[in-house]
């Protein structure tokens, strides 16, 4: 989900990245180590600027391994002004019985409960379970979550970088019956555990980039030998996305005034994968979006049932 989380005045729910046509930068192909890699990009155009009047390039990198999926994003601000954004990987996990799932890495975190008018609570449980309608945004969560009893009753480990928040969601029978793209009887066999930037948007300055990643490991053994091997080979297996893309705006394309990727590689341990390591601690919930006065968003709210539905460029996206 990008560039926004939830409803906003100028475009579809959760932003427009899910409904736009992406460019295939690199077809899926095997790497020397046997991994399969593909690259996709989304660049601003006349349609996106009707909703969000900024220039950008968003690159998505997908790597498939035998028992692991890695998805990384790199966002470059090619505008003349800073902009703010939210980001969320919308990971639906298939489970035999959601009531028997346990989620680690959330204890002690503050969370917004969207089922209770956005009330804020602190999570006391070491292992979080779901047995009713759940829609929570956990703030500043741990880098790793382990979800038990997913497909075939196995464990799934989620590792995240530069994505400080975690969403846990299941519509239960309370809301699944109202969703056109969700079967009324499907909620017992799924759970969403989603890494993202949700509570407070990131402000990205011009000519700067922001990178983040998630890794899903099937049947992960917590603290096992595989984790040690990953630490040794992390730089080779999870190299920065910024090192692999053909840039389209000169040598400064991925030079961040905050922390250049090249500097991070030389300074930080390999396990950090070259991503920026500060996890953006925040204090405000749902900070309002701020738009520069000289780079305005569309002046009116777009109604999905507007009178010019057939010719409207926003409606034509079938949002």
Protein backbone atom coordinates (compact mmCIF):
# COMPACT_ATOMS: atom_id res chain seq x y z
CA UNK A 1 0.00 0.00 0.00
CA UNK A 2 1.44 3.36 -1.04
CA UNK A 3 1.40 6.39 -0.89
CA UNK A 4 -1.17 6.55 1.91
CA UNK A 5 -2.65 4.26 4.53
CA UNK A 6 -6.40 4.24 4.91
CA UNK A 7 -8.80 6.76 3.35
CA UNK A 8 -7.60 10.13 2.10
CA UNK A 9 -9.29 13.03 0.38
CA UNK A 10 -7.68 12.85 -3.05
CA UNK A 11 -7.53 9.22 -4.12
CA UNK A 12 -8.42 5.59 -3.40
CA UNK A 13 -8.18 3.75 -0.12
CA UNK A 14 -4.53 3.05 0.78
CA UNK A 15 -3.12 5.16 -2.05
CA UNK A 16 -2.75 4.37 -5.73
CA UNK A 17 0.20 1.97 -6.07
CA UNK A 18 -2.04 -1.12 -5.95
CA UNK A 19 -4.16 0.02 -8.88
CA UNK A 20 -1.55 1.56 -11.18
CA UNK A 21 0.24 -0.22 -14.01
CA UNK A 22 3.86 -0.92 -13.11
CA UNK A 23 6.86 -1.19 -15.42
CA UNK A 24 8.77 -4.48 -15.54
CA UNK A 25 12.37 -3.34 -15.10
CA UNK A 26 13.73 -6.88 -15.02
CA UNK A 27 11.94 -10.09 -15.91
CA UNK A 28 12.16 -12.89 -13.34
CA UNK A 29 15.46 -14.66 -13.88
CA UNK A 30 17.81 -16.87 -11.86
CA UNK A 31 20.85 -15.36 -10.18
CA UNK A 32 24.20 -17.10 -9.86
CA UNK A 33 23.25 -18.39 -6.41
CA UNK A 34 19.99 -19.92 -7.65
CA UNK A 35 17.66 -17.19 -6.36
CA UNK A 36 14.99 -15.80 -8.69
CA UNK A 37 14.88 -12.00 -8.93
CA UNK A 38 12.48 -9.56 -10.58
CA UNK A 39 12.32 -5.74 -10.55
CA UNK A 40 9.31 -3.47 -11.06
CA UNK A 41 8.94 0.31 -11.03
CA UNK A 42 6.23 2.93 -10.74
CA UNK A 43 6.94 6.49 -11.91
CA UNK A 44 4.75 9.57 -11.55
CA UNK A 45 2.47 10.41 -14.47
CA UNK A 46 -0.48 12.63 -15.29
CA UNK A 47 -2.91 10.31 -13.51
CA UNK A 48 -0.94 10.03 -10.26
CA UNK A 49 -0.42 13.79 -10.20
CA UNK A 50 -4.17 14.37 -10.23
CA UNK A 51 -4.23 12.63 -6.86
CA UNK A 52 -0.75 13.37 -5.49
CA UNK A 53 1.13 16.18 -7.18
CA UNK A 54 4.73 15.00 -6.74
CA UNK A 55 7.43 13.43 -8.89
CA UNK A 56 8.86 10.12 -7.72
CA UNK A 57 10.19 6.72 -8.69
CA UNK A 58 9.21 3.67 -6.66
CA UNK A 59 11.11 0.46 -7.36
CA UNK A 60 10.04 -2.94 -6.06
CA UNK A 61 12.50 -5.82 -5.90
CA UNK A 62 11.26 -9.39 -5.42
CA UNK A 63 13.62 -12.28 -4.67
CA UNK A 64 12.33 -15.85 -4.36
CA UNK A 65 14.43 -18.48 -2.60
CA UNK A 66 13.70 -22.10 -1.75
CA UNK A 67 12.02 -21.30 1.56
CA UNK A 68 12.13 -17.53 1.60
CA UNK A 69 10.54 -14.51 -0.05
CA UNK A 70 12.21 -11.09 0.07
CA UNK A 71 10.40 -7.95 -1.07
CA UNK A 72 12.19 -4.59 -0.99
CA UNK A 73 11.21 -1.10 -2.04
CA UNK A 74 13.25 1.97 -2.89
CA UNK A 75 11.49 5.34 -3.13
CA UNK A 76 13.22 8.32 -4.75
CA UNK A 77 11.89 11.88 -4.44
CA UNK A 78 12.50 13.62 -7.77
CA UNK A 79 10.28 16.58 -6.83
CA UNK A 80 11.51 20.04 -5.87
CA UNK A 81 9.71 19.79 -2.52
CA UNK A 82 9.70 17.28 0.34
CA UNK A 83 6.78 14.88 0.47
CA UNK A 84 5.31 12.53 3.05
CA UNK A 85 4.29 8.94 2.50
CA UNK A 86 3.00 5.79 4.16
CA UNK A 87 3.98 2.29 3.08
CA UNK A 88 2.60 -1.12 3.96
CA UNK A 89 3.25 -4.61 2.60
CA UNK A 90 -0.18 -6.21 2.48
CA UNK A 91 0.79 -9.78 3.44
CA UNK A 92 -2.11 -12.21 3.71
CA UNK A 93 -1.02 -15.50 5.29
CA UNK A 94 -2.97 -18.72 4.79
CA UNK A 95 -3.58 -20.59 8.04
CA UNK A 96 -5.44 -23.79 9.00
CA UNK A 97 -7.19 -22.05 11.91
CA UNK A 98 -6.58 -18.40 12.81
CA UNK A 99 -7.63 -19.07 16.41
CA UNK A 100 -4.54 -21.25 16.86
CA UNK A 101 -2.04 -18.70 15.51
CA UNK A 102 0.44 -16.94 17.78
CA UNK A 103 2.37 -13.79 16.84
CA UNK A 104 5.56 -12.76 18.61
CA UNK A 105 7.40 -9.44 18.69
CA UNK A 106 4.51 -7.22 19.81
CA UNK A 107 4.70 -7.32 23.61
CA UNK A 108 4.98 -3.89 25.22
CA UNK A 109 4.18 -2.01 22.00
CA UNK A 110 1.53 0.68 21.84
CA UNK A 111 -1.19 0.03 19.28
CA UNK A 112 -4.15 1.79 17.73
CA UNK A 113 -7.30 -0.35 17.81
CA UNK A 114 -9.36 0.60 14.78
CA UNK A 115 -12.25 -1.54 15.99
CA UNK A 116 -12.56 0.71 19.06
CA UNK A 117 -12.60 4.19 17.52
CA UNK A 118 -8.80 4.37 17.25
CA UNK A 119 -8.26 4.01 20.98
CA UNK A 120 -4.62 3.48 22.00
CA UNK A 121 -3.52 0.58 24.20
CA UNK A 122 -0.34 -1.25 25.19
CA UNK A 123 0.05 -4.92 24.27
CA UNK A 124 0.71 -7.02 27.42
CA UNK A 125 0.95 -10.43 25.73
CA UNK A 126 4.17 -12.13 24.70
CA UNK A 127 2.27 -14.11 22.07
CA UNK A 128 -0.68 -12.33 20.43
CA UNK A 129 -3.68 -14.39 19.36
CA UNK A 130 -6.73 -13.50 17.26
CA UNK A 131 -10.20 -14.78 18.13
CA UNK A 132 -12.44 -11.88 17.07
CA UNK A 133 -12.52 -8.95 14.65
CA UNK A 134 -9.03 -7.49 14.81
CA UNK A 135 -7.64 -4.36 13.16
CA UNK A 136 -4.62 -3.03 15.03
CA UNK A 137 -1.64 -0.85 14.16
CA UNK A 138 1.29 -1.65 16.45
CA UNK A 139 3.93 1.07 16.77
CA UNK A 140 7.72 0.59 16.85
CA UNK A 141 7.56 -3.20 16.85
CA UNK A 142 10.47 -5.61 17.01
CA UNK A 143 12.46 -6.35 13.86
CA UNK A 144 11.26 -9.96 13.77
CA UNK A 145 7.87 -11.60 14.16
CA UNK A 146 7.23 -15.33 14.28
CA UNK A 147 3.73 -16.45 13.31
CA UNK A 148 2.92 -20.00 14.37
CA UNK A 149 0.50 -22.43 12.73
CA UNK A 150 0.49 -21.00 9.22
CA UNK A 151 0.36 -23.23 6.10
CA UNK A 152 0.62 -26.93 7.08
CA UNK A 153 0.91 -25.89 10.72
CA UNK A 154 4.42 -24.49 10.30
CA UNK A 155 6.00 -21.32 11.60
CA UNK A 156 6.60 -18.24 9.47
CA UNK A 157 9.26 -15.71 10.38
CA UNK A 158 8.93 -12.12 9.18
CA UNK A 159 12.04 -9.93 9.28
CA UNK A 160 11.62 -6.25 8.50
CA UNK A 161 13.96 -3.32 7.94
CA UNK A 162 13.08 0.39 8.05
CA UNK A 163 9.41 -0.45 8.58
CA UNK A 164 8.67 0.45 12.22
CA UNK A 165 5.00 -0.52 12.46
CA UNK A 166 3.08 -3.79 12.20
CA UNK A 167 -0.59 -4.19 11.30
CA UNK A 168 -2.53 -7.25 12.51
CA UNK A 169 -5.89 -7.75 10.77
CA UNK A 170 -8.67 -10.27 10.46
CA UNK A 171 -12.19 -9.14 9.48
CA UNK A 172 -13.96 -12.01 11.27
CA UNK A 173 -17.62 -12.47 10.47
CA UNK A 174 -18.30 -8.92 11.66
CA UNK A 175 -16.96 -7.24 8.51
CA UNK A 176 -16.22 -10.07 6.06
CA UNK A 177 -19.89 -10.17 5.05
CA UNK A 178 -19.65 -6.53 3.93
CA UNK A 179 -16.57 -7.03 1.72
CA UNK A 180 -17.19 -7.69 -1.96
CA UNK A 181 -13.77 -9.32 -2.49
CA UNK A 182 -13.73 -11.46 0.64
CA UNK A 183 -15.83 -14.58 1.23
CA UNK A 184 -17.96 -14.66 4.35
CA UNK A 185 -16.48 -18.01 5.40
CA UNK A 186 -12.82 -17.25 4.58
CA UNK A 187 -11.74 -15.41 7.73
CA UNK A 188 -10.86 -18.56 9.78
CA UNK A 189 -8.15 -19.46 7.26
CA UNK A 190 -6.19 -16.22 6.97
CA UNK A 191 -4.35 -13.63 8.98
CA UNK A 192 -2.63 -10.41 8.02
CA UNK A 193 0.65 -9.56 9.74
CA UNK A 194 1.92 -6.57 7.78
CA UNK A 195 5.11 -4.52 8.08
CA UNK A 196 4.87 -0.85 7.23
CA UNK A 197 5.20 2.86 7.88
CA UNK A 198 1.73 3.66 9.17
CA UNK A 199 1.47 5.61 12.42
CA UNK A 200 3.49 8.62 11.27
CA UNK A 201 4.35 9.32 7.61
CA UNK A 202 7.97 9.59 6.55
CA UNK A 203 9.08 12.96 5.17
CA UNK A 204 11.41 12.45 2.20
CA UNK A 205 13.47 15.41 0.98
CA UNK A 206 14.18 16.11 -2.72
CA UNK A 207 16.88 13.91 -4.31
CA UNK A 208 16.74 11.55 -1.33
CA UNK A 209 15.68 7.92 -1.14
CA UNK A 210 14.08 5.66 1.41
CA UNK A 211 14.57 1.91 1.37
CA UNK A 212 12.76 -0.85 3.25
CA UNK A 213 12.38 -4.59 3.06
CA UNK A 214 10.58 -7.62 4.45
CA UNK A 215 11.75 -11.22 4.41
CA UNK A 216 9.33 -14.11 4.92
CA UNK A 217 10.93 -17.39 5.94
CA UNK A 218 8.83 -20.55 5.82
CA UNK A 219 9.31 -23.06 8.59
CA UNK A 220 11.87 -20.77 10.24
CA UNK A 221 13.67 -22.18 13.26
CA UNK A 222 13.98 -19.29 15.70
CA UNK A 223 17.62 -18.72 16.67
CA UNK A 224 18.79 -21.71 14.63
CA UNK A 225 21.83 -22.22 12.46
CA UNK A 226 20.12 -20.69 9.44
CA UNK A 227 20.00 -17.32 11.17
CA UNK A 228 23.75 -17.41 11.74
CA UNK A 229 24.39 -18.24 8.09
CA UNK A 230 22.18 -15.33 7.04
CA UNK A 231 24.26 -12.98 9.18
CA UNK A 232 27.47 -14.00 7.43
CA UNK A 233 26.08 -13.89 3.91
CA UNK A 234 23.59 -11.05 4.30
CA UNK A 235 25.58 -8.57 2.21
CA UNK A 236 25.74 -11.00 -0.70
CA UNK A 237 22.18 -12.34 -0.42
CA UNK A 238 20.38 -9.11 0.38
CA UNK A 239 22.37 -6.42 -1.37
CA UNK A 240 20.93 -2.88 -1.41
CA UNK A 241 18.37 -2.28 -4.09
CA UNK A 242 20.08 0.99 -4.90
CA UNK A 243 23.08 -0.90 -6.24
CA UNK A 244 21.10 -2.75 -8.90
CA UNK A 245 18.77 -0.31 -10.67
CA UNK A 246 19.58 1.68 -13.77
CA UNK A 247 19.09 5.28 -12.61
CA UNK A 248 17.50 7.84 -14.85
CA UNK A 249 18.63 11.12 -13.35
CA UNK A 250 22.40 11.05 -13.07
CA UNK A 251 24.86 10.07 -10.39
CA UNK A 252 22.95 11.84 -7.63
CA UNK A 253 19.86 9.64 -8.11
CA UNK A 254 20.38 7.56 -4.98
CA UNK A 255 22.60 9.87 -2.95
CA UNK A 256 20.81 10.50 0.32
CA UNK A 257 21.77 13.55 2.33
CA UNK A 258 20.73 11.62 5.41
CA UNK A 259 22.78 8.45 4.98
CA UNK A 260 24.12 7.33 1.58
CA UNK A 261 23.77 3.64 0.92
CA UNK A 262 27.49 3.34 0.11
CA UNK A 263 28.35 4.77 3.53
CA UNK A 264 25.99 2.39 5.27
CA UNK A 265 27.60 -0.62 3.60
CA UNK A 266 31.03 0.39 4.87
CA UNK A 267 29.89 1.32 8.36
CA UNK A 268 27.14 -1.03 9.46
CA UNK A 269 27.26 -4.79 10.16
CA UNK A 270 26.25 -6.99 7.23
CA UNK A 271 23.06 -8.05 8.96
CA UNK A 272 21.67 -4.55 8.40
CA UNK A 273 21.64 -5.25 4.66
CA UNK A 274 22.68 -1.67 3.92
CA UNK A 275 19.31 -0.21 4.86
CA UNK A 276 19.07 2.90 7.00
CA UNK A 277 18.97 1.63 10.55
CA UNK A 278 17.09 4.26 12.52
CA UNK A 279 13.54 2.96 12.90
CA UNK A 280 11.84 6.36 12.99
CA UNK A 281 10.54 6.48 16.57
CA UNK A 282 7.40 8.58 16.68
CA UNK A 283 5.08 10.10 19.26
CA UNK A 284 2.11 11.35 17.27
CA UNK A 285 -0.65 9.09 16.01
CA UNK A 286 -2.12 9.77 12.59
CA UNK A 287 -0.28 13.01 11.88
CA UNK A 288 -2.05 15.01 9.17
CA UNK A 289 -0.50 15.15 5.71
CA UNK A 290 1.15 18.46 4.89
CA UNK A 291 1.46 19.68 1.32
CA UNK A 292 3.68 22.57 0.17
CA UNK A 293 1.65 25.57 -0.90
CA UNK A 294 3.51 25.80 -4.21
CA UNK A 295 2.92 22.13 -5.03
CA UNK A 296 -0.79 21.72 -4.37
CA UNK A 297 -2.87 18.57 -4.42
CA UNK A 298 -6.09 18.54 -6.44
CA UNK A 299 -8.36 21.26 -5.03
CA UNK A 300 -11.48 19.16 -4.55
CA UNK A 301 -12.37 15.80 -3.05
CA UNK A 302 -12.76 13.14 -5.72
CA UNK A 303 -16.06 11.33 -5.48
CA UNK A 304 -15.87 7.74 -6.75
CA UNK A 305 -19.36 8.22 -8.18
CA UNK A 306 -18.63 11.52 -9.90
CA UNK A 307 -20.86 12.60 -12.79
CA UNK A 308 -18.06 12.21 -15.34
CA UNK A 309 -17.28 8.60 -14.42
CA UNK A 310 -16.75 7.43 -18.00
CA UNK A 311 -14.24 10.14 -18.89
CA UNK A 312 -12.67 10.82 -15.48
CA UNK A 313 -9.00 9.79 -15.44
CA UNK A 314 -9.21 8.78 -11.79
CA UNK A 315 -12.38 6.73 -12.23
CA UNK A 316 -10.81 5.04 -15.26
CA UNK A 317 -8.42 3.27 -12.87
CA UNK A 318 -11.40 1.24 -11.61
CA UNK A 319 -10.55 2.16 -8.04
